[in-house]
Each structure stands twice: as C-alpha cells, then as structure tokens.
Amino acid sequence: MPTTYPEMYFPVIVQVVIAIAVAAGLIGISALLGKRAKSPLKDTPYESGMAPVGSAAERFSVKWYLVGMIFVLFDIEAVFLYPWAVVFRELKLFALGEMFVFVALVLVGYFYVWKKGALDWSQEKYPKDRGA
C-alpha cells in the first residue's frame, strides 16, 4: 500500500509518460513512412463531404437549427436519465415526480419543433432562390 504522494501518483505518471511516448511514436512513424504528395485538391478545406463552393455566408434553412434543438433535447435527456436511474431507489416518489416534470419539459420542446415543421422534410417551405 503506497504511503507517500510520489508512491501514490507513480502509476499515473507512468501511464501519462507511456501515452505521450506512444502518441509521439505513432506521429513520428507516420511522418517517416507516410507519402508526401501535395496537390491543389489536397490543400482545399474539407467540410462534411461537400466541395467548398460559394460564399461562407450562405443561408441555411431554419429546419437545420430545429433538428439541432431535437438533438440537444435528447442529449440532455440521456445525460439526466443515467444518474436518475442510479439514485431512483433512494429518492423513491420524489424522483418519479421529478422525472415526469423533466420528461414533460422535453416533450414540450419536441412538440414545439414538430409544430414548426422541422420533422416534415417532404416539401421545402423556403426555396433557396427567392430572387435574392
């Protein structure tokens, strides 16, 4: 059993040193053995599999932001559900009531996005070329 601080933190320091050595070794090996082929196509920025054409200030449909809200809603729900499930037996009825309130708030956000039409991708409400 370790009794001093250096003895307690020695395994952590060893693990950090090994991690840095492995990372440096992999980068060094790839730099030595990897191909170095420059081309104009390789030097262009890559974004989401789409060729970077046009202005960076292009307007996006509101649906993209509403779908993003759905992802945030369900990410927060997932983060909240795990600790809730762990302490459910200790908190009993209080935890159940709090979860009903939380799920109701999440559903309000979901129905807001649904009513705004973010989940209806069958037709485009806002055409891109409106005679700008």
N, C-alpha and C. Protein backbone atom coordinates (compact mmCIF):
# COMPACT_ATOMS: atom_id res chain seq x y z
N MET A 1 0.84 -1.18 0.00
CA MET A 1 0.00 0.00 0.00
C MET A 1 0.89 1.24 0.00
N PRO A 2 0.68 2.16 -0.98
CA PRO A 2 1.50 3.36 -1.02
C PRO A 2 1.21 4.28 0.17
N THR A 3 2.27 4.89 0.67
CA THR A 3 2.10 5.75 1.84
C THR A 3 2.44 7.21 1.56
N THR A 4 3.24 7.49 0.54
CA THR A 4 3.61 8.87 0.24
C THR A 4 3.00 9.28 -1.10
N TYR A 5 2.98 10.61 -1.33
CA TYR A 5 2.41 11.11 -2.58
C TYR A 5 3.15 10.61 -3.82
N PRO A 6 4.47 10.60 -3.84
CA PRO A 6 5.14 10.07 -5.03
C PRO A 6 4.78 8.60 -5.31
N GLU A 7 4.62 7.81 -4.26
CA GLU A 7 4.24 6.40 -4.45
C GLU A 7 2.81 6.30 -4.97
N MET A 8 1.93 7.19 -4.52
CA MET A 8 0.53 7.12 -4.95
C MET A 8 0.38 7.54 -6.41
N TYR A 9 1.14 8.56 -6.83
CA TYR A 9 0.98 9.09 -8.18
C TYR A 9 1.93 8.48 -9.19
N PHE A 10 2.81 7.58 -8.77
CA PHE A 10 3.74 6.94 -9.70
C PHE A 10 3.03 6.21 -10.84
N PRO A 11 1.98 5.40 -10.59
CA PRO A 11 1.30 4.73 -11.71
C PRO A 11 0.67 5.71 -12.70
N VAL A 12 0.16 6.82 -12.19
CA VAL A 12 -0.44 7.81 -13.08
C VAL A 12 0.63 8.46 -13.95
N ILE A 13 1.76 8.79 -13.35
CA ILE A 13 2.85 9.41 -14.11
C ILE A 13 3.38 8.44 -15.16
N VAL A 14 3.50 7.17 -14.81
CA VAL A 14 3.97 6.17 -15.77
C VAL A 14 2.98 6.07 -16.93
N GLN A 15 1.70 6.07 -16.65
CA GLN A 15 0.69 5.97 -17.70
C GLN A 15 0.73 7.19 -18.62
N VAL A 16 0.90 8.38 -18.06
CA VAL A 16 0.98 9.60 -18.88
C VAL A 16 2.23 9.55 -19.76
N VAL A 17 3.36 9.13 -19.21
CA VAL A 17 4.59 9.04 -19.99
C VAL A 17 4.44 8.03 -21.12
N ILE A 18 3.85 6.89 -20.84
CA ILE A 18 3.63 5.88 -21.88
C ILE A 18 2.70 6.41 -22.96
N ALA A 19 1.63 7.10 -22.57
CA ALA A 19 0.69 7.65 -23.55
C ALA A 19 1.37 8.67 -24.45
N ILE A 20 2.18 9.55 -23.87
CA ILE A 20 2.89 10.55 -24.67
C ILE A 20 3.90 9.87 -25.60
N ALA A 21 4.59 8.84 -25.11
CA ALA A 21 5.56 8.13 -25.94
C ALA A 21 4.88 7.42 -27.10
N VAL A 22 3.75 6.78 -26.85
CA VAL A 22 3.03 6.09 -27.93
C VAL A 22 2.53 7.10 -28.96
N ALA A 23 1.95 8.21 -28.51
CA ALA A 23 1.45 9.22 -29.45
C ALA A 23 2.59 9.80 -30.28
N ALA A 24 3.71 10.15 -29.63
CA ALA A 24 4.85 10.69 -30.36
C ALA A 24 5.43 9.66 -31.32
N GLY A 25 5.48 8.42 -30.89
CA GLY A 25 5.99 7.35 -31.76
C GLY A 25 5.13 7.16 -33.00
N LEU A 26 3.82 7.15 -32.84
CA LEU A 26 2.93 6.97 -33.99
C LEU A 26 3.02 8.15 -34.96
N ILE A 27 3.08 9.36 -34.42
CA ILE A 27 3.22 10.52 -35.29
C ILE A 27 4.57 10.50 -36.01
N GLY A 28 5.63 10.14 -35.29
CA GLY A 28 6.95 10.06 -35.90
C GLY A 28 7.03 9.01 -36.99
N ILE A 29 6.48 7.83 -36.74
CA ILE A 29 6.49 6.76 -37.74
C ILE A 29 5.70 7.16 -38.98
N SER A 30 4.54 7.79 -38.78
CA SER A 30 3.75 8.20 -39.95
C SER A 30 4.46 9.30 -40.73
N ALA A 31 5.20 10.17 -40.03
CA ALA A 31 5.95 11.21 -40.73
C ALA A 31 7.10 10.61 -41.53
N LEU A 32 7.73 9.56 -41.01
CA LEU A 32 8.85 8.93 -41.71
C LEU A 32 8.40 8.05 -42.86
N LEU A 33 7.34 7.26 -42.65
CA LEU A 33 6.93 6.28 -43.64
C LEU A 33 5.81 6.73 -44.56
N GLY A 34 5.11 7.80 -44.21
CA GLY A 34 3.96 8.24 -45.00
C GLY A 34 4.33 8.93 -46.28
N LYS A 35 3.40 8.90 -47.24
CA LYS A 35 3.61 9.57 -48.51
C LYS A 35 3.46 11.07 -48.34
N ARG A 36 4.20 11.80 -49.12
CA ARG A 36 4.09 13.26 -49.12
C ARG A 36 3.74 13.70 -50.52
N ALA A 37 2.49 13.70 -50.85
CA ALA A 37 2.05 14.10 -52.19
C ALA A 37 1.20 15.36 -52.05
N LYS A 38 1.73 16.48 -52.51
CA LYS A 38 0.98 17.74 -52.47
C LYS A 38 0.18 17.89 -53.75
N SER A 39 -1.02 18.41 -53.61
CA SER A 39 -1.85 18.72 -54.77
C SER A 39 -2.82 19.83 -54.38
N PRO A 40 -3.31 20.57 -55.36
CA PRO A 40 -4.28 21.63 -55.03
C PRO A 40 -5.55 21.06 -54.40
N LEU A 41 -5.93 19.85 -54.81
CA LEU A 41 -7.14 19.25 -54.25
C LEU A 41 -6.95 18.90 -52.78
N LYS A 42 -5.76 18.44 -52.40
CA LYS A 42 -5.49 18.10 -51.00
C LYS A 42 -5.41 19.34 -50.12
N ASP A 43 -5.07 20.48 -50.70
CA ASP A 43 -4.93 21.70 -49.93
C ASP A 43 -6.25 22.44 -49.71
N THR A 44 -7.33 21.97 -50.33
CA THR A 44 -8.62 22.63 -50.14
C THR A 44 -9.25 22.17 -48.82
N PRO A 45 -10.02 23.03 -48.18
CA PRO A 45 -10.68 22.62 -46.93
C PRO A 45 -11.76 21.59 -47.20
N TYR A 46 -12.00 20.73 -46.22
CA TYR A 46 -12.99 19.65 -46.35
C TYR A 46 -14.05 19.84 -45.28
N GLU A 47 -15.29 19.96 -45.73
CA GLU A 47 -16.37 20.16 -44.77
C GLU A 47 -17.52 19.23 -45.10
N SER A 48 -17.75 18.27 -44.27
CA SER A 48 -18.93 17.40 -44.33
C SER A 48 -19.11 16.69 -45.67
N GLY A 49 -18.05 16.41 -46.36
CA GLY A 49 -18.15 15.67 -47.61
C GLY A 49 -18.61 16.50 -48.78
N MET A 50 -18.78 17.80 -48.59
CA MET A 50 -19.24 18.65 -49.68
C MET A 50 -18.08 19.52 -50.16
N ALA A 51 -18.03 19.73 -51.45
CA ALA A 51 -16.99 20.59 -52.00
C ALA A 51 -17.25 22.03 -51.55
N PRO A 52 -16.23 22.73 -51.09
CA PRO A 52 -16.42 24.10 -50.63
C PRO A 52 -16.59 25.06 -51.81
N VAL A 53 -17.84 25.33 -52.17
CA VAL A 53 -18.14 26.20 -53.30
C VAL A 53 -19.03 27.33 -52.79
N GLY A 54 -18.83 28.50 -53.28
CA GLY A 54 -19.70 29.62 -52.94
C GLY A 54 -19.22 30.36 -51.71
N SER A 55 -20.09 31.21 -51.23
CA SER A 55 -19.76 32.07 -50.10
C SER A 55 -19.90 31.32 -48.78
N ALA A 56 -19.10 31.71 -47.80
CA ALA A 56 -19.20 31.10 -46.47
C ALA A 56 -20.42 31.64 -45.72
N ALA A 57 -21.01 32.72 -46.20
CA ALA A 57 -22.16 33.34 -45.54
C ALA A 57 -23.47 32.84 -46.13
N GLU A 58 -23.50 31.62 -46.64
CA GLU A 58 -24.72 31.06 -47.22
C GLU A 58 -25.77 30.84 -46.14
N ARG A 59 -27.01 31.07 -46.48
CA ARG A 59 -28.10 30.93 -45.51
C ARG A 59 -28.55 29.47 -45.46
N PHE A 60 -28.85 29.02 -44.24
CA PHE A 60 -29.36 27.67 -44.03
C PHE A 60 -30.83 27.74 -43.69
N SER A 61 -31.53 26.67 -44.00
CA SER A 61 -32.94 26.58 -43.64
C SER A 61 -33.08 26.50 -42.12
N VAL A 62 -34.17 27.03 -41.62
CA VAL A 62 -34.43 27.01 -40.18
C VAL A 62 -34.57 25.58 -39.68
N LYS A 63 -34.95 24.67 -40.56
CA LYS A 63 -35.13 23.27 -40.16
C LYS A 63 -33.84 22.68 -39.60
N TRP A 64 -32.71 23.08 -40.13
CA TRP A 64 -31.44 22.55 -39.63
C TRP A 64 -31.26 22.90 -38.16
N TYR A 65 -31.61 24.12 -37.80
CA TYR A 65 -31.45 24.54 -36.41
C TYR A 65 -32.48 23.87 -35.51
N LEU A 66 -33.68 23.65 -36.03
CA LEU A 66 -34.70 22.98 -35.23
C LEU A 66 -34.35 21.51 -34.99
N VAL A 67 -33.79 20.86 -36.00
CA VAL A 67 -33.33 19.48 -35.81
C VAL A 67 -32.18 19.45 -34.80
N GLY A 68 -31.32 20.47 -34.84
CA GLY A 68 -30.26 20.58 -33.84
C GLY A 68 -30.83 20.70 -32.43
N MET A 69 -31.94 21.43 -32.30
CA MET A 69 -32.60 21.52 -31.00
C MET A 69 -33.07 20.16 -30.51
N ILE A 70 -33.56 19.33 -31.43
CA ILE A 70 -34.00 17.98 -31.04
C ILE A 70 -32.83 17.18 -30.51
N PHE A 71 -31.70 17.25 -31.19
CA PHE A 71 -30.52 16.53 -30.71
C PHE A 71 -30.10 16.99 -29.33
N VAL A 72 -30.12 18.30 -29.10
CA VAL A 72 -29.76 18.82 -27.79
C VAL A 72 -30.75 18.35 -26.73
N LEU A 73 -32.04 18.36 -27.06
CA LEU A 73 -33.06 17.89 -26.11
C LEU A 73 -32.80 16.45 -25.68
N PHE A 74 -32.56 15.59 -26.65
CA PHE A 74 -32.41 14.18 -26.31
C PHE A 74 -31.04 13.86 -25.72
N ASP A 75 -30.03 14.67 -26.02
CA ASP A 75 -28.74 14.50 -25.35
C ASP A 75 -28.87 14.85 -23.87
N ILE A 76 -29.55 15.95 -23.58
CA ILE A 76 -29.75 16.34 -22.19
C ILE A 76 -30.58 15.29 -21.47
N GLU A 77 -31.57 14.76 -22.15
CA GLU A 77 -32.40 13.73 -21.52
C GLU A 77 -31.56 12.49 -21.18
N ALA A 78 -30.71 12.08 -22.10
CA ALA A 78 -29.88 10.90 -21.85
C ALA A 78 -28.92 11.14 -20.70
N VAL A 79 -28.34 12.34 -20.64
CA VAL A 79 -27.41 12.67 -19.56
C VAL A 79 -28.13 12.68 -18.21
N PHE A 80 -29.37 13.11 -18.20
CA PHE A 80 -30.13 13.20 -16.95
C PHE A 80 -30.67 11.85 -16.51
N LEU A 81 -30.98 10.96 -17.46
CA LEU A 81 -31.60 9.68 -17.11
C LEU A 81 -30.67 8.73 -16.38
N TYR A 82 -29.39 8.71 -16.72
CA TYR A 82 -28.48 7.77 -16.09
C TYR A 82 -28.32 8.02 -14.58
N PRO A 83 -28.01 9.24 -14.15
CA PRO A 83 -27.91 9.45 -12.70
C PRO A 83 -29.25 9.24 -12.00
N TRP A 84 -30.33 9.59 -12.68
CA TRP A 84 -31.66 9.40 -12.10
C TRP A 84 -31.92 7.91 -11.84
N ALA A 85 -31.56 7.07 -12.79
CA ALA A 85 -31.77 5.64 -12.62
C ALA A 85 -30.93 5.07 -11.48
N VAL A 86 -29.75 5.65 -11.26
CA VAL A 86 -28.87 5.17 -10.19
C VAL A 86 -29.45 5.48 -8.82
N VAL A 87 -30.02 6.66 -8.64
CA VAL A 87 -30.50 7.07 -7.31
C VAL A 87 -32.01 6.91 -7.15
N PHE A 88 -32.67 6.26 -8.10
CA PHE A 88 -34.13 6.16 -8.05
C PHE A 88 -34.63 5.48 -6.78
N ARG A 89 -34.00 4.40 -6.37
CA ARG A 89 -34.47 3.67 -5.17
C ARG A 89 -34.32 4.49 -3.90
N GLU A 90 -33.33 5.37 -3.85
CA GLU A 90 -33.15 6.18 -2.65
C GLU A 90 -34.15 7.33 -2.59
N LEU A 91 -34.49 7.92 -3.73
CA LEU A 91 -35.36 9.09 -3.74
C LEU A 91 -36.84 8.75 -3.85
N LYS A 92 -37.15 7.55 -4.29
CA LYS A 92 -38.50 6.99 -4.39
C LYS A 92 -39.46 7.89 -5.17
N LEU A 93 -40.55 8.31 -4.55
CA LEU A 93 -41.62 9.02 -5.25
C LEU A 93 -41.18 10.41 -5.73
N PHE A 94 -40.29 11.05 -4.98
CA PHE A 94 -39.79 12.36 -5.38
C PHE A 94 -39.08 12.27 -6.73
N ALA A 95 -38.25 11.23 -6.91
CA ALA A 95 -37.53 11.06 -8.18
C ALA A 95 -38.49 10.79 -9.33
N LEU A 96 -39.55 10.05 -9.05
CA LEU A 96 -40.53 9.77 -10.11
C LEU A 96 -41.24 11.06 -10.53
N GLY A 97 -41.61 11.87 -9.56
CA GLY A 97 -42.26 13.14 -9.88
C GLY A 97 -41.34 14.07 -10.66
N GLU A 98 -40.09 14.16 -10.22
CA GLU A 98 -39.13 15.00 -10.94
C GLU A 98 -38.93 14.51 -12.37
N MET A 99 -38.91 13.20 -12.58
CA MET A 99 -38.73 12.68 -13.92
C MET A 99 -39.93 12.99 -14.79
N PHE A 100 -41.14 12.94 -14.23
CA PHE A 100 -42.32 13.30 -15.01
C PHE A 100 -42.26 14.77 -15.43
N VAL A 101 -41.81 15.65 -14.53
CA VAL A 101 -41.67 17.07 -14.87
C VAL A 101 -40.63 17.24 -15.98
N PHE A 102 -39.51 16.55 -15.84
CA PHE A 102 -38.44 16.66 -16.83
C PHE A 102 -38.89 16.15 -18.20
N VAL A 103 -39.54 14.99 -18.22
CA VAL A 103 -40.00 14.42 -19.49
C VAL A 103 -41.06 15.33 -20.11
N ALA A 104 -41.91 15.94 -19.29
CA ALA A 104 -42.91 16.88 -19.81
C ALA A 104 -42.23 18.08 -20.48
N LEU A 105 -41.17 18.60 -19.86
CA LEU A 105 -40.45 19.72 -20.47
C LEU A 105 -39.77 19.31 -21.77
N VAL A 106 -39.21 18.12 -21.81
CA VAL A 106 -38.59 17.64 -23.04
C VAL A 106 -39.65 17.48 -24.13
N LEU A 107 -40.81 16.96 -23.77
CA LEU A 107 -41.88 16.79 -24.75
C LEU A 107 -42.40 18.14 -25.25
N VAL A 108 -42.42 19.15 -24.40
CA VAL A 108 -42.82 20.49 -24.85
C VAL A 108 -41.86 20.97 -25.93
N GLY A 109 -40.58 20.79 -25.72
CA GLY A 109 -39.59 21.17 -26.74
C GLY A 109 -39.75 20.35 -28.01
N TYR A 110 -40.02 19.07 -27.87
CA TYR A 110 -40.20 18.20 -29.03
C TYR A 110 -41.43 18.61 -29.83
N PHE A 111 -42.54 18.86 -29.14
CA PHE A 111 -43.76 19.27 -29.85
C PHE A 111 -43.61 20.65 -30.49
N TYR A 112 -42.83 21.53 -29.88
CA TYR A 112 -42.55 22.83 -30.48
C TYR A 112 -41.85 22.65 -31.82
N VAL A 113 -40.83 21.81 -31.83
CA VAL A 113 -40.08 21.58 -33.07
C VAL A 113 -40.97 20.88 -34.09
N TRP A 114 -41.82 19.98 -33.62
CA TRP A 114 -42.72 19.25 -34.52
C TRP A 114 -43.73 20.22 -35.15
N LYS A 115 -44.31 21.10 -34.36
CA LYS A 115 -45.29 22.07 -34.87
C LYS A 115 -44.66 23.07 -35.82
N LYS A 116 -43.38 23.38 -35.61
CA LYS A 116 -42.68 24.30 -36.51
C LYS A 116 -42.37 23.65 -37.86
N GLY A 117 -42.59 22.34 -37.97
CA GLY A 117 -42.39 21.64 -39.23
C GLY A 117 -40.98 21.16 -39.48
N ALA A 118 -40.17 21.06 -38.44
CA ALA A 118 -38.79 20.64 -38.63
C ALA A 118 -38.69 19.16 -38.99
N LEU A 119 -39.70 18.39 -38.67
CA LEU A 119 -39.65 16.96 -38.96
C LEU A 119 -40.30 16.61 -40.29
N ASP A 120 -40.86 17.59 -40.97
CA ASP A 120 -41.51 17.37 -42.26
C ASP A 120 -40.54 17.75 -43.37
N TRP A 121 -39.86 16.77 -43.92
CA TRP A 121 -38.86 17.01 -44.96
C TRP A 121 -39.42 16.73 -46.35
N SER A 122 -40.74 16.51 -46.47
CA SER A 122 -41.31 16.13 -47.75
C SER A 122 -41.33 17.29 -48.74
N GLN A 123 -41.53 18.51 -48.27
CA GLN A 123 -41.53 19.66 -49.17
C GLN A 123 -40.73 20.79 -48.54
N GLU A 124 -40.18 21.61 -49.39
CA GLU A 124 -39.37 22.71 -48.89
C GLU A 124 -40.25 23.96 -48.79
N LYS A 125 -40.36 24.48 -47.59
CA LYS A 125 -41.19 25.67 -47.38
C LYS A 125 -40.47 26.93 -47.86
N TYR A 126 -39.15 26.94 -47.74
CA TYR A 126 -38.37 28.12 -48.07
C TYR A 126 -37.43 27.79 -49.22
N PRO A 127 -37.84 28.04 -50.46
CA PRO A 127 -36.94 27.74 -51.58
C PRO A 127 -35.68 28.59 -51.52
N LYS A 128 -34.58 28.02 -52.01
CA LYS A 128 -33.29 28.71 -51.91
C LYS A 128 -33.24 29.95 -52.79
N ASP A 129 -33.75 29.87 -54.02
CA ASP A 129 -33.66 31.03 -54.90
C ASP A 129 -34.99 31.78 -54.89
N ARG A 130 -35.06 32.78 -54.02
CA ARG A 130 -36.26 33.60 -53.89
C ARG A 130 -36.07 34.92 -54.63
N GLY A 131 -35.22 34.93 -55.60
CA GLY A 131 -35.00 36.18 -56.32
C GLY A 131 -34.12 37.14 -55.53
N ALA A 132 -33.14 36.56 -54.82
CA ALA A 132 -32.25 37.36 -53.97
C ALA A 132 -31.64 38.41 -54.81
